[in-house]
Amino acid sequence: QVQLVESGGGLVQPGGSLRLSCAASGSIFSPNVMGWYRQAPGKQRELVATIASGGSTNYADSVKGRFTISRDNAKNTVYLQMNNLKPEDTAVYYCRHISRFDYWGQGTQVTVSS
């Protein structure tokens, strides 16, 4: 089992920044992929960004140039730096860990509003 604990969500004005963190613990296998997904009300969950244990990254077109995913393998933690936030970024953000099995965090709310 892998446990994922997310933090860093909140309310921010358009143009602002937030940094999300997701700490993994338990039976962690390598290599693995960790990532962030989001789900807005009435919409399907969608990929935001992923990062492999070797460092390769993948981003949704809608966040390229604004969001940066990174990870600290020693701490089993993945981060999402979100800059120039827009109202359409409002969603519940979920952390995901993929290795031998697929695990999800409980989600953290991000609200972008003036």
C-alpha atoms as a PDB file:
ATOM      1  CA  GLN A   1       0.000   0.000   0.000  1.00  0.00           C
ATOM      2  CA  VAL A   2       1.072   3.562  -0.716  1.00  0.00           C
ATOM      3  CA  GLN A   3      -0.384   6.509   1.157  1.00  0.00           C
ATOM      4  CA  LEU A   4      -0.443   9.934  -0.486  1.00  0.00           C
ATOM      5  CA  VAL A   5      -0.917  13.116   1.526  1.00  0.00           C
ATOM      6  CA  GLU A   6      -1.511  16.338  -0.388  1.00  0.00           C
ATOM      7  CA  SER A   7      -1.169  19.875   0.907  1.00  0.00           C
ATOM      8  CA  GLY A   8      -0.950  23.442  -0.344  1.00  0.00           C
ATOM      9  CA  GLY A   9      -4.364  24.110  -1.827  1.00  0.00           C
ATOM     10  CA  GLY A  10      -6.378  27.200  -1.084  1.00  0.00           C
ATOM     11  CA  LEU A  11      -7.960  30.370  -2.416  1.00  0.00           C
ATOM     12  CA  VAL A  12      -5.910  32.658  -4.630  1.00  0.00           C
ATOM     13  CA  GLN A  13      -6.637  35.614  -6.870  1.00  0.00           C
ATOM     14  CA  PRO A  14      -6.198  35.397 -10.646  1.00  0.00           C
ATOM     15  CA  GLY A  15      -2.553  35.828 -11.533  1.00  0.00           C
ATOM     16  CA  GLY A  16      -1.445  34.448  -8.191  1.00  0.00           C
ATOM     17  CA  SER A  17       0.615  31.386  -7.325  1.00  0.00           C
ATOM     18  CA  LEU A  18       0.270  28.246  -5.235  1.00  0.00           C
ATOM     19  CA  ARG A  19       2.535  25.306  -4.558  1.00  0.00           C
ATOM     20  CA  LEU A  20       1.067  21.856  -4.012  1.00  0.00           C
ATOM     21  CA  SER A  21       2.933  19.041  -2.290  1.00  0.00           C
ATOM     22  CA  CYS A  22       2.252  15.330  -2.192  1.00  0.00           C
ATOM     23  CA  ALA A  23       4.185  13.065   0.158  1.00  0.00           C
ATOM     24  CA  ALA A  24       4.145   9.326  -0.504  1.00  0.00           C
ATOM     25  CA  SER A  25       4.748   6.698   2.158  1.00  0.00           C
ATOM     26  CA  GLY A  26       4.464   2.947   2.464  1.00  0.00           C
ATOM     27  CA  SER A  27       5.495   0.290  -0.062  1.00  0.00           C
ATOM     28  CA  ILE A  28       7.053   2.486  -2.714  1.00  0.00           C
ATOM     29  CA  PHE A  29       8.539   0.782  -5.754  1.00  0.00           C
ATOM     30  CA  SER A  30      10.881   2.261  -8.307  1.00  0.00           C
ATOM     31  CA  PRO A  31      10.701   3.159 -11.060  1.00  0.00           C
ATOM     32  CA  ASN A  32       7.438   4.995 -10.700  1.00  0.00           C
ATOM     33  CA  VAL A  33       5.504   7.931 -12.043  1.00  0.00           C
ATOM     34  CA  MET A  34       3.928  10.579  -9.858  1.00  0.00           C
ATOM     35  CA  GLY A  35       1.554  13.186 -11.091  1.00  0.00           C
ATOM     36  CA  TRP A  36      -1.195  15.699 -10.548  1.00  0.00           C
ATOM     37  CA  TYR A  37      -4.688  15.487 -11.947  1.00  0.00           C
ATOM     38  CA  ARG A  38      -7.644  17.785 -11.411  1.00  0.00           C
ATOM     39  CA  GLN A  39     -11.399  17.633 -11.514  1.00  0.00           C
ATOM     40  CA  ALA A  40     -13.626  20.668 -11.808  1.00  0.00           C
ATOM     41  CA  PRO A  41     -17.335  20.514 -10.912  1.00  0.00           C
ATOM     42  CA  GLY A  42     -19.306  18.746 -13.626  1.00  0.00           C
ATOM     43  CA  LYS A  43     -16.173  17.749 -15.541  1.00  0.00           C
ATOM     44  CA  GLN A  44     -14.063  14.628 -15.873  1.00  0.00           C
ATOM     45  CA  ARG A  45     -10.785  14.247 -14.066  1.00  0.00           C
ATOM     46  CA  GLU A  46      -7.929  15.356 -16.298  1.00  0.00           C
ATOM     47  CA  LEU A  47      -4.163  15.162 -16.336  1.00  0.00           C
ATOM     48  CA  VAL A  48      -2.250  18.242 -15.221  1.00  0.00           C
ATOM     49  CA  ALA A  49       1.353  17.016 -15.136  1.00  0.00           C
ATOM     50  CA  THR A  50       3.389  13.892 -14.471  1.00  0.00           C
ATOM     51  CA  ILE A  51       7.012  13.213 -13.624  1.00  0.00           C
ATOM     52  CA  ALA A  52       8.844   9.912 -13.742  1.00  0.00           C
ATOM     53  CA  SER A  53      11.393   8.859 -11.154  1.00  0.00           C
ATOM     54  CA  GLY A  54      14.065   9.515 -13.787  1.00  0.00           C
ATOM     55  CA  GLY A  55      12.855  13.094 -14.174  1.00  0.00           C
ATOM     56  CA  SER A  56      10.995  13.120 -17.474  1.00  0.00           C
ATOM     57  CA  THR A  57       7.888  15.301 -17.386  1.00  0.00           C
ATOM     58  CA  ASN A  58       4.604  15.647 -19.232  1.00  0.00           C
ATOM     59  CA  TYR A  59       2.166  18.585 -19.085  1.00  0.00           C
ATOM     60  CA  ALA A  60      -1.340  19.332 -20.251  1.00  0.00           C
ATOM     61  CA  ASP A  61      -1.317  22.013 -22.931  1.00  0.00           C
ATOM     62  CA  SER A  62      -3.494  24.237 -20.753  1.00  0.00           C
ATOM     63  CA  VAL A  63      -0.805  24.552 -18.058  1.00  0.00           C
ATOM     64  CA  LYS A  64       2.393  24.580 -20.094  1.00  0.00           C
ATOM     65  CA  GLY A  65       4.500  27.604 -19.262  1.00  0.00           C
ATOM     66  CA  ARG A  66       2.564  28.277 -16.039  1.00  0.00           C
ATOM     67  CA  PHE A  67       2.914  25.098 -13.960  1.00  0.00           C
ATOM     68  CA  THR A  68       6.075  23.221 -13.049  1.00  0.00           C
ATOM     69  CA  ILE A  69       6.173  19.709 -11.629  1.00  0.00           C
ATOM     70  CA  SER A  70       9.181  18.497  -9.665  1.00  0.00           C
ATOM     71  CA  ARG A  71      10.041  15.730  -7.235  1.00  0.00           C
ATOM     72  CA  ASP A  72      12.390  14.891  -4.411  1.00  0.00           C
ATOM     73  CA  ASN A  73      13.044  11.162  -4.638  1.00  0.00           C
ATOM     74  CA  ALA A  74      14.770  11.089  -1.246  1.00  0.00           C
ATOM     75  CA  LYS A  75      11.573  12.410   0.358  1.00  0.00           C
ATOM     76  CA  ASN A  76       9.181  10.576  -1.992  1.00  0.00           C
ATOM     77  CA  THR A  77       7.489  13.903  -2.559  1.00  0.00           C
ATOM     78  CA  VAL A  78       6.170  15.546  -5.699  1.00  0.00           C
ATOM     79  CA  TYR A  79       5.471  19.246  -6.060  1.00  0.00           C
ATOM     80  CA  LEU A  80       3.379  21.358  -8.394  1.00  0.00           C
ATOM     81  CA  GLN A  81       4.312  25.022  -8.650  1.00  0.00           C
ATOM     82  CA  MET A  82       1.376  26.878 -10.162  1.00  0.00           C
ATOM     83  CA  ASN A  83       1.928  30.417 -11.413  1.00  0.00           C
ATOM     84  CA  ASN A  84      -0.319  32.887 -13.224  1.00  0.00           C
ATOM     85  CA  LEU A  85      -3.385  31.020 -12.019  1.00  0.00           C
ATOM     86  CA  LYS A  86      -6.636  31.489 -13.881  1.00  0.00           C
ATOM     87  CA  PRO A  87     -10.256  30.975 -12.773  1.00  0.00           C
ATOM     88  CA  GLU A  88     -10.422  27.925 -15.051  1.00  0.00           C
ATOM     89  CA  ASP A  89      -7.721  26.287 -12.927  1.00  0.00           C
ATOM     90  CA  THR A  90     -10.265  25.994 -10.112  1.00  0.00           C
ATOM     91  CA  ALA A  91     -10.645  22.304  -9.276  1.00  0.00           C
ATOM     92  CA  VAL A  92      -9.853  19.590  -6.787  1.00  0.00           C
ATOM     93  CA  TYR A  93      -6.256  18.543  -7.442  1.00  0.00           C
ATOM     94  CA  TYR A  94      -5.336  14.905  -6.915  1.00  0.00           C
ATOM     95  CA  CYS A  95      -1.930  13.324  -6.532  1.00  0.00           C
ATOM     96  CA  ARG A  96      -1.318   9.994  -8.250  1.00  0.00           C
ATOM     97  CA  HIS A  97       1.417   7.386  -7.785  1.00  0.00           C
ATOM     98  CA  ILE A  98       1.871   4.674 -10.413  1.00  0.00           C
ATOM     99  CA  SER A  99       4.263   1.775 -10.025  1.00  0.00           C
ATOM    100  CA  ARG A 100       3.245  -1.809  -9.500  1.00  0.00           C
ATOM    101  CA  PHE A 101      -0.171  -0.456  -8.485  1.00  0.00           C
ATOM    102  CA  ASP A 102      -2.086   2.778  -8.945  1.00  0.00           C
ATOM    103  CA  TYR A 103      -2.755   5.038  -5.951  1.00  0.00           C
ATOM    104  CA  TRP A 104      -4.596   8.342  -5.539  1.00  0.00           C
ATOM    105  CA  GLY A 105      -4.542  10.985  -2.848  1.00  0.00           C
ATOM    106  CA  GLN A 106      -7.652  12.434  -1.228  1.00  0.00           C
ATOM    107  CA  GLY A 107      -7.470  15.688  -3.179  1.00  0.00           C
ATOM    108  CA  THR A 108      -6.908  19.325  -2.296  1.00  0.00           C
ATOM    109  CA  GLN A 109      -9.124  22.213  -3.380  1.00  0.00           C
ATOM    110  CA  VAL A 110      -7.682  25.025  -5.460  1.00  0.00           C
ATOM    111  CA  THR A 111      -9.943  28.013  -6.009  1.00  0.00           C
ATOM    112  CA  VAL A 112      -8.925  30.923  -8.231  1.00  0.00           C
ATOM    113  CA  SER A 113     -11.254  33.856  -7.751  1.00  0.00           C
ATOM    114  CA  SER A 114     -11.221  37.574  -7.134  1.00  0.00           C
END
